[in-house]
Amino acid sequence: MELAKMSAPKKVGTKRRHRVMVDGARSSGTLNTKAAALAWEATVRTAKPAGQLVTQTCLDAFEKYEREVSAKKKGARWEGFRLAAFGRSDFAKVLIREVNASHVAAWRDQRVKAVSGATVNREMNLLSNVFTVARKEWKWIKESPTADVSRPKDGKPRFRRIVQAEIDQICIALG
């Protein structure tokens, strides 16, 4: 049967029988009206089959984010370095739909041993944005795994006293 013939609802008694082929799989339904049959067709054509789950990894998200989002920013180079580091982390190979707060917390705990809390906060901001874009725009996940992860405290601010030689140099420069 041709695809064009399958897309028109046929009257069978008082009801409408409608058949649709989507990605090589046939679906059929019996509905009360032609409008209901056409609405059913629209939902069948747009719905994802149950076996077709999101199969992207976090690494896929990092790479796509770098190509589509970071490339438009001034700091694209530096974000690229951070995204590459994320790509080497333990949770990069995990399916994005399976990443949860414990993965992010483990990464945070490991990372805070190597760098300051402020650096980890900056990296978590980028990571959070990657997951937010994956949720809102790409529809890969339902919620961001960074939402429930606490952030490390920033380190103490630097404190330095200006020595007299520096004061003298500033005064000479100012006249």
N, C-alpha and C. Protein backbone atom coordinates (compact mmCIF):
# COMPACT_ATOMS: atom_id res chain seq x y z
N MET A 1 0.84 -1.16 0.00
CA MET A 1 0.00 0.00 0.00
C MET A 1 0.89 1.23 0.00
N GLU A 2 0.59 2.24 -0.78
CA GLU A 2 1.39 3.44 -0.88
C GLU A 2 1.21 4.31 0.36
N LEU A 3 2.24 5.12 0.62
CA LEU A 3 2.20 6.00 1.78
C LEU A 3 1.09 7.04 1.66
N ALA A 4 0.84 7.55 0.45
CA ALA A 4 -0.19 8.56 0.26
C ALA A 4 -1.57 8.00 0.57
N LYS A 5 -1.82 6.75 0.22
CA LYS A 5 -3.12 6.15 0.53
C LYS A 5 -3.25 5.86 2.01
N MET A 6 -2.13 5.59 2.67
CA MET A 6 -2.19 5.27 4.09
C MET A 6 -2.52 6.49 4.94
N SER A 7 -2.25 7.70 4.43
CA SER A 7 -2.41 8.87 5.27
C SER A 7 -3.84 9.42 5.28
N ALA A 8 -4.74 8.90 4.48
CA ALA A 8 -6.12 9.39 4.48
C ALA A 8 -7.00 8.46 5.30
N PRO A 9 -7.76 9.01 6.27
CA PRO A 9 -8.66 8.16 7.06
C PRO A 9 -9.81 7.64 6.19
N LYS A 10 -10.12 6.36 6.35
CA LYS A 10 -11.21 5.75 5.56
C LYS A 10 -12.40 5.51 6.46
N LYS A 11 -13.57 5.75 5.91
CA LYS A 11 -14.80 5.57 6.67
C LYS A 11 -15.15 4.08 6.69
N VAL A 12 -15.34 3.56 7.90
CA VAL A 12 -15.74 2.17 8.09
C VAL A 12 -16.95 2.21 9.02
N GLY A 13 -18.13 2.06 8.44
CA GLY A 13 -19.35 2.17 9.23
C GLY A 13 -19.53 3.61 9.68
N THR A 14 -19.62 3.81 11.00
CA THR A 14 -19.78 5.16 11.53
C THR A 14 -18.44 5.75 12.00
N LYS A 15 -17.39 4.99 11.92
CA LYS A 15 -16.08 5.42 12.44
C LYS A 15 -15.09 5.63 11.30
N ARG A 16 -13.91 6.14 11.64
CA ARG A 16 -12.83 6.36 10.67
C ARG A 16 -11.64 5.48 11.04
N ARG A 17 -11.20 4.70 10.07
CA ARG A 17 -10.00 3.87 10.27
C ARG A 17 -8.84 4.61 9.62
N HIS A 18 -7.77 4.75 10.38
CA HIS A 18 -6.62 5.52 9.89
C HIS A 18 -5.35 4.71 10.06
N ARG A 19 -4.55 4.65 9.02
CA ARG A 19 -3.27 3.93 9.06
C ARG A 19 -2.14 4.89 8.71
N VAL A 20 -1.05 4.77 9.44
CA VAL A 20 0.10 5.65 9.24
C VAL A 20 1.38 4.82 9.29
N MET A 21 2.35 5.15 8.43
CA MET A 21 3.65 4.50 8.49
C MET A 21 4.68 5.56 8.88
N VAL A 22 5.38 5.32 9.97
CA VAL A 22 6.40 6.24 10.45
C VAL A 22 7.68 5.44 10.65
N ASP A 23 8.74 5.85 9.96
CA ASP A 23 10.04 5.18 10.04
C ASP A 23 9.93 3.68 9.80
N GLY A 24 9.12 3.28 8.85
CA GLY A 24 8.98 1.88 8.49
C GLY A 24 8.07 1.07 9.39
N ALA A 25 7.50 1.69 10.41
CA ALA A 25 6.59 0.98 11.32
C ALA A 25 5.16 1.46 11.08
N ARG A 26 4.26 0.52 10.93
CA ARG A 26 2.86 0.86 10.67
C ARG A 26 2.09 0.97 11.98
N SER A 27 1.23 1.97 12.02
CA SER A 27 0.32 2.14 13.15
C SER A 27 -1.08 2.35 12.59
N SER A 28 -2.06 1.87 13.31
CA SER A 28 -3.43 2.08 12.86
C SER A 28 -4.32 2.35 14.06
N GLY A 29 -5.40 3.07 13.77
CA GLY A 29 -6.34 3.39 14.84
C GLY A 29 -7.73 3.62 14.27
N THR A 30 -8.74 3.37 15.09
CA THR A 30 -10.12 3.60 14.70
C THR A 30 -10.65 4.71 15.60
N LEU A 31 -11.11 5.80 14.95
CA LEU A 31 -11.55 6.98 15.70
C LEU A 31 -12.94 7.41 15.25
N ASN A 32 -13.57 8.26 16.04
CA ASN A 32 -14.95 8.67 15.76
C ASN A 32 -15.08 9.65 14.59
N THR A 33 -14.15 10.60 14.48
CA THR A 33 -14.28 11.62 13.44
C THR A 33 -13.00 11.72 12.62
N LYS A 34 -13.11 12.36 11.47
CA LYS A 34 -11.94 12.57 10.62
C LYS A 34 -10.93 13.49 11.31
N ALA A 35 -11.42 14.51 11.99
CA ALA A 35 -10.54 15.43 12.70
C ALA A 35 -9.76 14.71 13.80
N ALA A 36 -10.44 13.82 14.52
CA ALA A 36 -9.76 13.05 15.56
C ALA A 36 -8.71 12.13 14.94
N ALA A 37 -9.02 11.56 13.78
CA ALA A 37 -8.07 10.68 13.10
C ALA A 37 -6.84 11.46 12.66
N LEU A 38 -7.02 12.67 12.14
CA LEU A 38 -5.88 13.48 11.72
C LEU A 38 -5.07 13.97 12.91
N ALA A 39 -5.73 14.27 14.02
CA ALA A 39 -5.01 14.66 15.23
C ALA A 39 -4.19 13.49 15.77
N TRP A 40 -4.78 12.29 15.72
CA TRP A 40 -4.06 11.08 16.16
C TRP A 40 -2.83 10.88 15.28
N GLU A 41 -2.97 11.08 13.97
CA GLU A 41 -1.84 10.93 13.06
C GLU A 41 -0.71 11.89 13.44
N ALA A 42 -1.07 13.13 13.76
CA ALA A 42 -0.05 14.12 14.12
C ALA A 42 0.72 13.69 15.36
N THR A 43 0.01 13.14 16.36
CA THR A 43 0.70 12.71 17.57
C THR A 43 1.57 11.50 17.31
N VAL A 44 1.12 10.59 16.45
CA VAL A 44 1.93 9.40 16.12
C VAL A 44 3.20 9.81 15.38
N ARG A 45 3.07 10.76 14.47
CA ARG A 45 4.23 11.18 13.67
C ARG A 45 5.25 11.96 14.50
N THR A 46 4.81 12.67 15.52
CA THR A 46 5.73 13.48 16.31
C THR A 46 6.25 12.79 17.56
N ALA A 47 5.56 11.75 18.04
CA ALA A 47 5.98 11.07 19.27
C ALA A 47 7.19 10.18 19.01
N LYS A 48 8.08 10.13 20.02
CA LYS A 48 9.22 9.22 19.93
C LYS A 48 8.77 7.83 20.33
N PRO A 49 9.15 6.81 19.57
CA PRO A 49 8.83 5.45 20.00
C PRO A 49 9.50 5.12 21.33
N ALA A 50 8.92 4.22 22.07
CA ALA A 50 9.43 3.86 23.39
C ALA A 50 10.86 3.36 23.34
N GLY A 51 11.25 2.67 22.30
CA GLY A 51 12.59 2.12 22.20
C GLY A 51 13.62 3.14 21.76
N GLN A 52 13.20 4.37 21.46
CA GLN A 52 14.11 5.37 20.94
C GLN A 52 14.44 6.39 22.02
N LEU A 53 15.26 6.00 22.98
CA LEU A 53 15.64 6.87 24.08
C LEU A 53 16.86 7.69 23.69
N VAL A 54 17.12 8.72 24.46
CA VAL A 54 18.29 9.55 24.22
C VAL A 54 19.54 8.71 24.50
N THR A 55 20.43 8.66 23.53
CA THR A 55 21.63 7.82 23.67
C THR A 55 22.91 8.64 23.67
N GLN A 56 22.78 9.96 23.86
CA GLN A 56 23.96 10.81 23.87
C GLN A 56 24.67 10.72 25.22
N THR A 57 25.99 10.79 25.15
CA THR A 57 26.79 10.81 26.37
C THR A 57 27.05 12.26 26.77
N CYS A 58 27.61 12.44 27.94
CA CYS A 58 27.98 13.79 28.37
C CYS A 58 29.03 14.37 27.42
N LEU A 59 29.92 13.51 26.94
CA LEU A 59 30.94 13.97 25.99
C LEU A 59 30.27 14.55 24.74
N ASP A 60 29.21 13.91 24.25
CA ASP A 60 28.47 14.44 23.11
C ASP A 60 27.91 15.83 23.43
N ALA A 61 27.41 15.99 24.63
CA ALA A 61 26.85 17.29 25.04
C ALA A 61 27.95 18.35 25.11
N PHE A 62 29.12 17.98 25.66
CA PHE A 62 30.22 18.94 25.75
C PHE A 62 30.67 19.38 24.36
N GLU A 63 30.78 18.42 23.45
CA GLU A 63 31.22 18.74 22.08
C GLU A 63 30.19 19.59 21.35
N LYS A 64 28.91 19.24 21.48
CA LYS A 64 27.86 20.00 20.82
C LYS A 64 27.77 21.41 21.39
N TYR A 65 27.90 21.53 22.70
CA TYR A 65 27.87 22.84 23.36
C TYR A 65 29.02 23.71 22.85
N GLU A 66 30.19 23.10 22.72
CA GLU A 66 31.35 23.86 22.24
C GLU A 66 31.12 24.37 20.81
N ARG A 67 30.56 23.52 19.95
CA ARG A 67 30.31 23.91 18.56
C ARG A 67 29.21 24.95 18.43
N GLU A 68 28.11 24.77 19.17
CA GLU A 68 26.93 25.59 18.95
C GLU A 68 26.80 26.79 19.88
N VAL A 69 27.29 26.69 21.10
CA VAL A 69 27.08 27.76 22.07
C VAL A 69 28.38 28.52 22.35
N SER A 70 29.43 27.82 22.72
CA SER A 70 30.69 28.47 23.06
C SER A 70 31.28 29.22 21.89
N ALA A 71 31.11 28.71 20.70
CA ALA A 71 31.70 29.35 19.51
C ALA A 71 31.21 30.78 19.33
N LYS A 72 30.06 31.12 19.89
CA LYS A 72 29.49 32.46 19.75
C LYS A 72 29.93 33.41 20.86
N LYS A 73 30.72 32.93 21.80
CA LYS A 73 31.13 33.73 22.95
C LYS A 73 32.54 34.28 22.78
N LYS A 74 32.83 35.37 23.51
CA LYS A 74 34.19 35.92 23.50
C LYS A 74 35.20 34.94 24.07
N GLY A 75 34.82 34.29 25.15
CA GLY A 75 35.73 33.37 25.83
C GLY A 75 35.67 31.95 25.31
N ALA A 76 35.41 31.79 24.02
CA ALA A 76 35.25 30.45 23.42
C ALA A 76 36.50 29.60 23.62
N ARG A 77 37.67 30.23 23.51
CA ARG A 77 38.92 29.48 23.65
C ARG A 77 39.02 28.85 25.05
N TRP A 78 38.75 29.68 26.07
CA TRP A 78 38.88 29.19 27.44
C TRP A 78 37.78 28.19 27.79
N GLU A 79 36.58 28.42 27.29
CA GLU A 79 35.52 27.44 27.50
C GLU A 79 35.87 26.12 26.82
N GLY A 80 36.51 26.22 25.67
CA GLY A 80 36.95 25.01 24.96
C GLY A 80 37.91 24.19 25.80
N PHE A 81 38.85 24.87 26.49
CA PHE A 81 39.78 24.16 27.37
C PHE A 81 39.03 23.46 28.51
N ARG A 82 38.08 24.18 29.11
CA ARG A 82 37.32 23.59 30.22
C ARG A 82 36.45 22.44 29.76
N LEU A 83 35.82 22.60 28.59
CA LEU A 83 34.97 21.52 28.07
C LEU A 83 35.81 20.30 27.71
N ALA A 84 37.02 20.51 27.21
CA ALA A 84 37.92 19.38 26.93
C ALA A 84 38.29 18.66 28.22
N ALA A 85 38.50 19.43 29.29
CA ALA A 85 38.80 18.81 30.59
C ALA A 85 37.60 18.01 31.09
N PHE A 86 36.38 18.56 30.90
CA PHE A 86 35.18 17.81 31.26
C PHE A 86 35.12 16.51 30.46
N GLY A 87 35.51 16.58 29.21
CA GLY A 87 35.49 15.40 28.34
C GLY A 87 36.42 14.30 28.81
N ARG A 88 37.43 14.66 29.58
CA ARG A 88 38.36 13.66 30.13
C ARG A 88 37.95 13.18 31.52
N SER A 89 36.88 13.74 32.07
CA SER A 89 36.45 13.37 33.42
C SER A 89 35.75 12.01 33.41
N ASP A 90 35.48 11.51 34.61
CA ASP A 90 34.89 10.17 34.75
C ASP A 90 33.48 10.08 34.18
N PHE A 91 32.70 11.14 34.29
CA PHE A 91 31.31 11.03 33.85
C PHE A 91 31.11 11.42 32.38
N ALA A 92 32.17 11.67 31.64
CA ALA A 92 32.03 12.04 30.22
C ALA A 92 31.45 10.92 29.38
N LYS A 93 31.74 9.67 29.73
CA LYS A 93 31.26 8.53 28.94
C LYS A 93 29.89 8.02 29.40
N VAL A 94 29.36 8.61 30.46
CA VAL A 94 28.06 8.21 30.99
C VAL A 94 26.97 8.81 30.10
N LEU A 95 25.91 8.07 29.85
CA LEU A 95 24.78 8.61 29.10
C LEU A 95 24.24 9.82 29.83
N ILE A 96 23.94 10.87 29.08
CA ILE A 96 23.52 12.13 29.71
C ILE A 96 22.24 11.96 30.51
N ARG A 97 21.37 11.05 30.09
CA ARG A 97 20.12 10.84 30.83
C ARG A 97 20.35 10.08 32.14
N GLU A 98 21.53 9.49 32.31
CA GLU A 98 21.84 8.74 33.53
C GLU A 98 22.69 9.52 34.52
N VAL A 99 23.20 10.69 34.12
CA VAL A 99 24.02 11.50 35.01
C VAL A 99 23.13 12.07 36.10
N ASN A 100 23.60 11.98 37.33
CA ASN A 100 22.82 12.54 38.44
C ASN A 100 23.74 13.37 39.34
N ALA A 101 23.18 13.88 40.41
CA ALA A 101 23.93 14.76 41.31
C ALA A 101 25.15 14.08 41.92
N SER A 102 25.09 12.77 42.11
CA SER A 102 26.23 12.08 42.70
C SER A 102 27.44 12.08 41.77
N HIS A 103 27.21 12.01 40.45
CA HIS A 103 28.31 12.10 39.49
C HIS A 103 28.98 13.47 39.58
N VAL A 104 28.15 14.51 39.60
CA VAL A 104 28.67 15.87 39.65
C VAL A 104 29.36 16.13 40.99
N ALA A 105 28.80 15.63 42.08
CA ALA A 105 29.41 15.82 43.40
C ALA A 105 30.77 15.11 43.48
N ALA A 106 30.86 13.92 42.89
CA ALA A 106 32.14 13.21 42.89
C ALA A 106 33.18 13.99 42.08
N TRP A 107 32.75 14.54 40.95
CA TRP A 107 33.66 15.36 40.15
C TRP A 107 34.12 16.58 40.95
N ARG A 108 33.16 17.26 41.62
CA ARG A 108 33.47 18.44 42.42
C ARG A 108 34.47 18.12 43.52
N ASP A 109 34.25 17.00 44.24
CA ASP A 109 35.14 16.62 45.33
C ASP A 109 36.55 16.32 44.83
N GLN A 110 36.63 15.68 43.68
CA GLN A 110 37.94 15.37 43.10
C GLN A 110 38.63 16.66 42.62
N ARG A 111 37.85 17.54 42.04
CA ARG A 111 38.41 18.77 41.46
C ARG A 111 38.86 19.75 42.52
N VAL A 112 38.14 19.83 43.64
CA VAL A 112 38.47 20.80 44.68
C VAL A 112 39.80 20.45 45.37
N LYS A 113 40.25 19.21 45.22
CA LYS A 113 41.56 18.82 45.76
C LYS A 113 42.69 19.41 44.93
N ALA A 114 42.42 19.70 43.65
CA ALA A 114 43.47 20.18 42.75
C ALA A 114 43.49 21.70 42.58
N VAL A 115 42.32 22.34 42.65
CA VAL A 115 42.24 23.79 42.41
C VAL A 115 41.41 24.45 43.50
N SER A 116 41.34 25.78 43.45
CA SER A 116 40.61 26.52 44.50
C SER A 116 39.10 26.38 44.32
N GLY A 117 38.39 26.75 45.36
CA GLY A 117 36.93 26.70 45.32
C GLY A 117 36.34 27.63 44.28
N ALA A 118 36.97 28.79 44.06
CA ALA A 118 36.48 29.74 43.06
C ALA A 118 36.59 29.15 41.65
N THR A 119 37.66 28.42 41.38
CA THR A 119 37.83 27.78 40.08
C THR A 119 36.76 26.72 39.87
N VAL A 120 36.52 25.92 40.91
CA VAL A 120 35.49 24.89 40.82
C VAL A 120 34.12 25.52 40.60
N ASN A 121 33.85 26.64 41.25
CA ASN A 121 32.57 27.35 41.03
C ASN A 121 32.43 27.82 39.59
N ARG A 122 33.50 28.38 39.01
CA ARG A 122 33.46 28.81 37.61
C ARG A 122 33.21 27.62 36.70
N GLU A 123 33.88 26.50 36.97
CA GLU A 123 33.69 25.31 36.14
C GLU A 123 32.29 24.73 36.31
N MET A 124 31.76 24.80 37.53
CA MET A 124 30.39 24.32 37.76
C MET A 124 29.37 25.20 37.05
N ASN A 125 29.65 26.50 36.93
CA ASN A 125 28.76 27.38 36.17
C ASN A 125 28.68 26.93 34.72
N LEU A 126 29.82 26.61 34.13
CA LEU A 126 29.84 26.14 32.75
C LEU A 126 29.13 24.79 32.63
N LEU A 127 29.43 23.89 33.55
CA LEU A 127 28.80 22.56 33.54
C LEU A 127 27.28 22.69 33.68
N SER A 128 26.85 23.56 34.57
CA SER A 128 25.42 23.79 34.76
C SER A 128 24.78 24.33 33.48
N ASN A 129 25.47 25.22 32.80
CA ASN A 129 24.93 25.78 31.57
C ASN A 129 24.83 24.71 30.48
N VAL A 130 25.81 23.82 30.40
CA VAL A 130 25.75 22.73 29.41
C VAL A 130 24.50 21.88 29.65
N PHE A 131 24.26 21.50 30.90
CA PHE A 131 23.10 20.67 31.21
C PHE A 131 21.79 21.44 31.02
N THR A 132 21.80 22.74 31.28
CA THR A 132 20.59 23.54 31.07
C THR A 132 20.24 23.63 29.59
N VAL A 133 21.24 23.83 28.75
CA VAL A 133 21.00 23.87 27.30
C VAL A 133 20.54 22.49 26.81
N ALA A 134 21.14 21.44 27.33
CA ALA A 134 20.73 20.08 26.95
C ALA A 134 19.28 19.81 27.36
N ARG A 135 18.85 20.41 28.47
CA ARG A 135 17.47 20.23 28.93
C ARG A 135 16.50 21.10 28.15
N LYS A 136 16.80 22.38 28.04
CA LYS A 136 15.84 23.32 27.45
C LYS A 136 15.79 23.26 25.92
N GLU A 137 16.94 23.23 25.28
CA GLU A 137 16.98 23.35 23.83
C GLU A 137 17.04 22.01 23.11
N TRP A 138 17.85 21.09 23.62
CA TRP A 138 18.03 19.81 22.92
C TRP A 138 17.08 18.74 23.40
N LYS A 139 16.43 18.95 24.56
CA LYS A 139 15.47 18.01 25.15
C LYS A 139 16.09 16.63 25.39
N TRP A 140 17.36 16.64 25.80
CA TRP A 140 18.06 15.38 26.07
C TRP A 140 17.80 14.87 27.48
N ILE A 141 17.53 15.79 28.42
CA ILE A 141 17.30 15.41 29.81
C ILE A 141 16.10 16.19 30.35
N LYS A 142 15.57 15.70 31.47
CA LYS A 142 14.41 16.35 32.07
C LYS A 142 14.79 17.36 33.14
N GLU A 143 15.93 17.15 33.80
CA GLU A 143 16.37 18.09 34.83
C GLU A 143 17.90 18.11 34.87
N SER A 144 18.44 19.21 35.29
CA SER A 144 19.89 19.37 35.35
C SER A 144 20.44 18.68 36.60
N PRO A 145 21.46 17.83 36.45
CA PRO A 145 22.03 17.16 37.61
C PRO A 145 22.84 18.09 38.51
N THR A 146 23.13 19.30 38.06
CA THR A 146 23.90 20.22 38.89
C THR A 146 23.03 21.00 39.87
N ALA A 147 21.71 20.92 39.70
CA ALA A 147 20.81 21.73 40.52
C ALA A 147 20.90 21.40 42.01
N ASP A 148 21.09 20.15 42.36
CA ASP A 148 21.09 19.75 43.77
C ASP A 148 22.48 19.57 44.36
N VAL A 149 23.49 20.04 43.66
CA VAL A 149 24.86 19.88 44.15
C VAL A 149 25.32 21.18 44.79
N SER A 150 25.77 21.08 46.04
CA SER A 150 26.25 22.30 46.71
C SER A 150 27.61 22.69 46.14
N ARG A 151 27.87 23.96 46.20
CA ARG A 151 29.11 24.49 45.63
C ARG A 151 30.12 24.73 46.74
N PRO A 152 31.40 24.61 46.40
CA PRO A 152 32.43 24.86 47.43
C PRO A 152 32.51 26.35 47.76
N LYS A 153 33.01 26.64 48.94
CA LYS A 153 33.16 28.04 49.34
C LYS A 153 34.36 28.63 48.60
N ASP A 154 34.24 29.91 48.30
CA ASP A 154 35.38 30.59 47.68
C ASP A 154 36.50 30.69 48.71
N GLY A 155 37.72 30.72 48.22
CA GLY A 155 38.87 30.85 49.12
C GLY A 155 38.93 32.25 49.71
N LYS A 156 39.84 32.44 50.62
CA LYS A 156 40.01 33.76 51.23
C LYS A 156 40.55 34.72 50.18
N PRO A 157 40.10 35.97 50.22
CA PRO A 157 40.62 36.94 49.26
C PRO A 157 42.09 37.26 49.55
N ARG A 158 42.78 37.70 48.54
CA ARG A 158 44.18 38.05 48.71
C ARG A 158 44.28 39.35 49.51
N PHE A 159 45.31 39.43 50.34
CA PHE A 159 45.56 40.65 51.08
C PHE A 159 47.04 40.92 50.99
N ARG A 160 47.35 42.11 50.49
CA ARG A 160 48.75 42.45 50.31
C ARG A 160 48.94 43.90 50.70
N ARG A 161 49.96 44.17 51.44
CA ARG A 161 50.28 45.55 51.82
C ARG A 161 51.23 46.13 50.78
N ILE A 162 50.98 47.38 50.48
CA ILE A 162 51.85 48.06 49.54
C ILE A 162 53.08 48.53 50.32
N VAL A 163 54.24 48.24 49.75
CA VAL A 163 55.49 48.63 50.42
C VAL A 163 55.83 50.08 50.03
N GLN A 164 56.70 50.70 50.81
CA GLN A 164 57.04 52.12 50.60
C GLN A 164 57.65 52.36 49.23
N ALA A 165 58.43 51.43 48.72
CA ALA A 165 59.06 51.61 47.40
C ALA A 165 58.00 51.72 46.31
N GLU A 166 56.93 50.96 46.43
CA GLU A 166 55.84 51.04 45.44
C GLU A 166 55.11 52.38 45.54
N ILE A 167 54.92 52.87 46.75
CA ILE A 167 54.28 54.18 46.96
C ILE A 167 55.12 55.27 46.32
N ASP A 168 56.44 55.19 46.51
CA ASP A 168 57.34 56.18 45.92
C ASP A 168 57.26 56.16 44.40
N GLN A 169 57.21 54.95 43.81
CA GLN A 169 57.13 54.83 42.36
C GLN A 169 55.82 55.42 41.83
N ILE A 170 54.72 55.20 42.53
CA ILE A 170 53.43 55.74 42.12
C ILE A 170 53.45 57.28 42.20
N CYS A 171 54.04 57.80 43.27
CA CYS A 171 54.11 59.26 43.44
C CYS A 171 54.98 59.90 42.34
N ILE A 172 56.08 59.26 41.97
CA ILE A 172 56.94 59.77 40.91
C ILE A 172 56.19 59.73 39.58
N ALA A 173 55.44 58.64 39.33
CA ALA A 173 54.69 58.51 38.06
C ALA A 173 53.59 59.55 37.97
N LEU A 174 53.01 59.93 39.08
CA LEU A 174 51.92 60.92 39.08
C LEU A 174 52.44 62.35 39.10
N GLY A 175 53.73 62.53 39.40
CA GLY A 175 54.33 63.87 39.41
C GLY A 175 54.18 64.47 40.76
